[in-house]
C-alpha atoms as a PDB file:
ATOM      1  CA  MET A   1      36.564 -31.057   6.579  1.00  0.00           C
ATOM      2  CA  ILE A   2      36.113 -31.896  10.275  1.00  0.00           C
ATOM      3  CA  PHE A   3      36.616 -28.259  11.230  1.00  0.00           C
ATOM      4  CA  PHE A   4      34.071 -27.141   8.586  1.00  0.00           C
ATOM      5  CA  THR A   5      31.529 -29.690   9.780  1.00  0.00           C
ATOM      6  CA  SER A   6      31.980 -28.935  13.490  1.00  0.00           C
ATOM      7  CA  ALA A   7      31.955 -25.167  13.037  1.00  0.00           C
ATOM      8  CA  GLY A   8      28.957 -25.345  10.697  1.00  0.00           C
ATOM      9  CA  LEU A   9      27.062 -27.601  13.096  1.00  0.00           C
ATOM     10  CA  LEU A  10      27.649 -25.342  16.083  1.00  0.00           C
ATOM     11  CA  PHE A  11      26.935 -22.163  14.112  1.00  0.00           C
ATOM     12  CA  LEU A  12      23.669 -23.408  12.622  1.00  0.00           C
ATOM     13  CA  LEU A  13      22.466 -24.874  15.920  1.00  0.00           C
ATOM     14  CA  ALA A  14      23.298 -21.581  17.656  1.00  0.00           C
ATOM     15  CA  LEU A  15      20.919 -19.889  15.196  1.00  0.00           C
ATOM     16  CA  SER A  16      18.105 -22.147  16.548  1.00  0.00           C
ATOM     17  CA  ILE A  17      17.608 -23.918  13.243  1.00  0.00           C
ATOM     18  CA  PRO A  18      15.946 -27.347  13.650  1.00  0.00           C
ATOM     19  CA  VAL A  19      18.395 -30.247  13.794  1.00  0.00           C
ATOM     20  CA  GLY A  20      17.044 -32.009  10.692  1.00  0.00           C
ATOM     21  CA  ILE A  21      17.509 -28.915   8.557  1.00  0.00           C
ATOM     22  CA  VAL A  22      20.997 -28.359   9.998  1.00  0.00           C
ATOM     23  CA  LEU A  23      22.018 -31.903   9.104  1.00  0.00           C
ATOM     24  CA  PHE A  24      20.628 -31.513   5.581  1.00  0.00           C
ATOM     25  CA  LEU A  25      22.487 -28.229   5.068  1.00  0.00           C
ATOM     26  CA  LEU A  26      25.727 -29.719   6.381  1.00  0.00           C
ATOM     27  CA  ALA A  27      25.373 -32.743   4.113  1.00  0.00           C
ATOM     28  CA  PHE A  28      24.701 -30.493   1.137  1.00  0.00           C
ATOM     29  CA  GLY A  29      27.730 -28.332   2.003  1.00  0.00           C
ATOM     30  CA  ILE A  30      30.028 -31.323   2.446  1.00  0.00           C
ATOM     31  CA  ASP A  31      28.784 -32.746  -0.858  1.00  0.00           C
ATOM     32  CA  THR A  32      29.345 -29.463  -2.673  1.00  0.00           C
ATOM     33  CA  PHE A  33      32.782 -28.618  -1.300  1.00  0.00           C
ATOM     34  CA  PHE A  34      34.444 -31.904  -0.358  1.00  0.00           C
ATOM     35  CA  SER A  35      33.039 -34.663  -2.585  1.00  0.00           C
ATOM     36  CA  PRO A  36      34.781 -35.565  -5.880  1.00  0.00           C
ATOM     37  CA  PHE A  37      31.481 -36.747  -7.402  1.00  0.00           C
ATOM     38  CA  PRO A  38      27.999 -35.239  -7.002  1.00  0.00           C
ATOM     39  CA  LEU A  39      26.036 -37.178  -4.409  1.00  0.00           C
ATOM     40  CA  MET A  40      22.897 -35.090  -4.842  1.00  0.00           C
ATOM     41  CA  ARG A  41      22.212 -36.779  -8.189  1.00  0.00           C
ATOM     42  CA  GLY A  42      21.711 -40.063  -6.365  1.00  0.00           C
ATOM     43  CA  LEU A  43      19.569 -38.567  -3.611  1.00  0.00           C
ATOM     44  CA  GLY A  44      16.276 -39.300  -5.381  1.00  0.00           C
ATOM     45  CA  GLN A  45      17.143 -42.963  -5.796  1.00  0.00           C
ATOM     46  CA  VAL A  46      18.193 -43.282  -2.159  1.00  0.00           C
ATOM     47  CA  VAL A  47      15.026 -41.610  -0.870  1.00  0.00           C
ATOM     48  CA  TRP A  48      12.772 -43.690  -3.132  1.00  0.00           C
ATOM     49  CA  SER A  49      14.445 -47.013  -2.322  1.00  0.00           C
ATOM     50  CA  SER A  50      14.292 -46.404   1.435  1.00  0.00           C
ATOM     51  CA  SER A  51      10.643 -45.313   1.390  1.00  0.00           C
ATOM     52  CA  ASN A  52       9.504 -47.987  -1.083  1.00  0.00           C
ATOM     53  CA  SER A  53       9.419 -50.652   1.578  1.00  0.00           C
ATOM     54  CA  GLY A  54       6.610 -53.051   2.399  1.00  0.00           C
ATOM     55  CA  THR A  55       7.129 -52.582   6.112  1.00  0.00           C
ATOM     56  CA  LEU A  56       6.243 -48.905   5.986  1.00  0.00           C
ATOM     57  CA  ILE A  57       2.649 -49.719   4.990  1.00  0.00           C
ATOM     58  CA  ALA A  58       2.023 -50.652   8.633  1.00  0.00           C
ATOM     59  CA  ILE A  59       2.287 -47.012   9.779  1.00  0.00           C
ATOM     60  CA  PRO A  60      -0.947 -45.781   8.125  1.00  0.00           C
ATOM     61  CA  PHE A  61      -2.693 -48.926   9.306  1.00  0.00           C
ATOM     62  CA  PHE A  62      -1.700 -48.194  12.939  1.00  0.00           C
ATOM     63  CA  VAL A  63      -3.223 -44.728  12.539  1.00  0.00           C
ATOM     64  CA  LEU A  64      -6.346 -46.218  10.957  1.00  0.00           C
ATOM     65  CA  LEU A  65      -6.682 -48.777  13.769  1.00  0.00           C
ATOM     66  CA  GLY A  66      -6.404 -46.010  16.364  1.00  0.00           C
ATOM     67  CA  GLU A  67      -9.086 -43.943  14.635  1.00  0.00           C
ATOM     68  CA  ILE A  68     -11.419 -46.934  14.393  1.00  0.00           C
ATOM     69  CA  LEU A  69     -10.935 -47.768  18.090  1.00  0.00           C
ATOM     70  CA  VAL A  70     -11.528 -44.195  19.255  1.00  0.00           C
ATOM     71  CA  ARG A  71     -14.424 -43.304  16.944  1.00  0.00           C
ATOM     72  CA  SER A  72     -16.306 -46.543  17.501  1.00  0.00           C
ATOM     73  CA  GLY A  73     -16.082 -46.213  21.297  1.00  0.00           C
ATOM     74  CA  ILE A  74     -14.136 -49.429  21.756  1.00  0.00           C
ATOM     75  CA  ALA A  75     -11.235 -47.562  23.366  1.00  0.00           C
ATOM     76  CA  ARG A  76     -13.533 -45.824  25.864  1.00  0.00           C
ATOM     77  CA  ARG A  77     -15.348 -49.014  26.803  1.00  0.00           C
ATOM     78  CA  THR A  78     -12.103 -50.974  27.115  1.00  0.00           C
ATOM     79  CA  TYR A  79     -10.604 -48.281  29.311  1.00  0.00           C
ATOM     80  CA  SER A  80     -13.734 -48.167  31.487  1.00  0.00           C
ATOM     81  CA  ALA A  81     -13.753 -51.957  31.889  1.00  0.00           C
ATOM     82  CA  LEU A  82     -10.083 -52.107  32.814  1.00  0.00           C
ATOM     83  CA  GLU A  83     -10.518 -49.211  35.226  1.00  0.00           C
ATOM     84  CA  ALA A  84     -13.344 -51.096  36.952  1.00  0.00           C
ATOM     85  CA  TRP A  85     -11.151 -54.196  37.254  1.00  0.00           C
ATOM     86  CA  VAL A  86      -8.095 -52.458  38.725  1.00  0.00           C
ATOM     87  CA  SER A  87      -9.563 -49.403  40.505  1.00  0.00           C
ATOM     88  CA  TRP A  88      -9.375 -51.157  43.890  1.00  0.00           C
ATOM     89  CA  LEU A  89      -5.561 -51.111  43.707  1.00  0.00           C
ATOM     90  CA  PRO A  90      -3.694 -48.108  45.110  1.00  0.00           C
ATOM     91  CA  GLY A  91      -3.080 -45.840  42.134  1.00  0.00           C
ATOM     92  CA  GLY A  92      -5.858 -47.510  40.179  1.00  0.00           C
ATOM     93  CA  LEU A  93      -5.864 -44.906  37.402  1.00  0.00           C
ATOM     94  CA  ILE A  94      -2.255 -45.580  36.441  1.00  0.00           C
ATOM     95  CA  HIS A  95      -2.883 -49.319  36.584  1.00  0.00           C
ATOM     96  CA  ALA A  96      -5.807 -48.831  34.209  1.00  0.00           C
ATOM     97  CA  ASN A  97      -3.506 -46.895  31.872  1.00  0.00           C
ATOM     98  CA  ILE A  98      -0.883 -49.641  31.932  1.00  0.00           C
ATOM     99  CA  ALA A  99      -3.445 -52.398  31.411  1.00  0.00           C
ATOM    100  CA  THR A 100      -5.049 -50.506  28.510  1.00  0.00           C
ATOM    101  CA  ALA A 101      -1.669 -49.853  26.887  1.00  0.00           C
ATOM    102  CA  THR A 102      -0.782 -53.529  27.296  1.00  0.00           C
ATOM    103  CA  LEU A 103      -4.041 -54.631  25.719  1.00  0.00           C
ATOM    104  CA  PHE A 104      -3.806 -52.219  22.787  1.00  0.00           C
ATOM    105  CA  SER A 105      -0.149 -53.031  22.145  1.00  0.00           C
ATOM    106  CA  ALA A 106      -1.002 -56.727  22.084  1.00  0.00           C
ATOM    107  CA  THR A 107      -3.867 -55.976  19.691  1.00  0.00           C
ATOM    108  CA  SER A 108      -1.906 -53.776  17.297  1.00  0.00           C
ATOM    109  CA  GLY A 109       1.450 -55.522  17.633  1.00  0.00           C
ATOM    110  CA  SER A 110       3.251 -52.314  18.519  1.00  0.00           C
ATOM    111  CA  SER A 111       3.905 -50.938  21.968  1.00  0.00           C
ATOM    112  CA  VAL A 112       5.065 -47.659  20.428  1.00  0.00           C
ATOM    113  CA  ALA A 113       1.632 -47.163  18.866  1.00  0.00           C
ATOM    114  CA  THR A 114       0.038 -46.933  22.321  1.00  0.00           C
ATOM    115  CA  SER A 115       2.434 -44.450  23.890  1.00  0.00           C
ATOM    116  CA  ARG A 116       0.131 -41.436  23.979  1.00  0.00           C
ATOM    117  CA  SER A 117      -0.163 -39.899  27.420  1.00  0.00           C
ATOM    118  CA  PRO A 118      -2.661 -39.178  28.867  1.00  0.00           C
ATOM    119  CA  PRO A 119      -5.241 -41.068  26.850  1.00  0.00           C
ATOM    120  CA  PRO A 120      -8.387 -39.108  26.009  1.00  0.00           C
ATOM    121  CA  GLN A 121     -10.456 -41.564  28.035  1.00  0.00           C
ATOM    122  CA  GLN A 122      -8.477 -40.609  31.150  1.00  0.00           C
ATOM    123  CA  GLN A 123      -8.926 -36.856  30.843  1.00  0.00           C
ATOM    124  CA  HIS A 124     -12.537 -36.766  32.021  1.00  0.00           C
ATOM    125  CA  ARG A 125     -11.651 -38.932  35.037  1.00  0.00           C
ATOM    126  CA  MET A 126      -9.070 -36.479  36.285  1.00  0.00           C
ATOM    127  CA  SER A 127      -9.862 -33.199  37.963  1.00  0.00           C
ATOM    128  CA  HIS A 128      -7.426 -30.412  38.690  1.00  0.00           C
ATOM    129  CA  LYS A 129      -7.854 -27.395  40.868  1.00  0.00           C
ATOM    130  CA  PRO A 130      -5.171 -24.697  40.805  1.00  0.00           C
ATOM    131  CA  GLY A 131      -2.810 -25.002  43.746  1.00  0.00           C
ATOM    132  CA  ARG A 132      -3.727 -28.651  44.414  1.00  0.00           C
ATOM    133  CA  PRO A 133      -2.204 -31.832  43.045  1.00  0.00           C
ATOM    134  CA  TRP A 134      -3.958 -33.889  40.378  1.00  0.00           C
ATOM    135  CA  ARG A 135      -6.661 -36.047  41.907  1.00  0.00           C
ATOM    136  CA  HIS A 136      -8.676 -38.962  40.634  1.00  0.00           C
ATOM    137  CA  SER A 137     -12.310 -38.084  40.119  1.00  0.00           C
ATOM    138  CA  ASN A 138     -15.147 -40.592  40.564  1.00  0.00           C
ATOM    139  CA  ARG A 139     -17.210 -39.042  37.758  1.00  0.00           C
END
């Protein structure tokens, strides 16, 4: 069984199949060939019970909060205000990013929800010319 699993894993990954699909195929193969009772019959119950959780309702609400903040302009105004407060520091743009991420993570309760880089509010403040490093723009 270990040889089958290892060889199957290496073979399927060598074919450039995504890891999630490889793991599903290996689990299906192990269930079919090595299990004395069919595990696939219980798969629906396992999937439903793990996804029928009250904690998972927070994920769509994080997305909704992000859309409300961006579409209403609150994110842009917050980023502009924090940039004005910390722009005097060396590397003021990165400090504005950190302060904005801190504020939004405190607001939403999730630091993972604010981990998009670079934020759309930062893109118009940066200018790039080919052959030169990224520079902060005063526009």
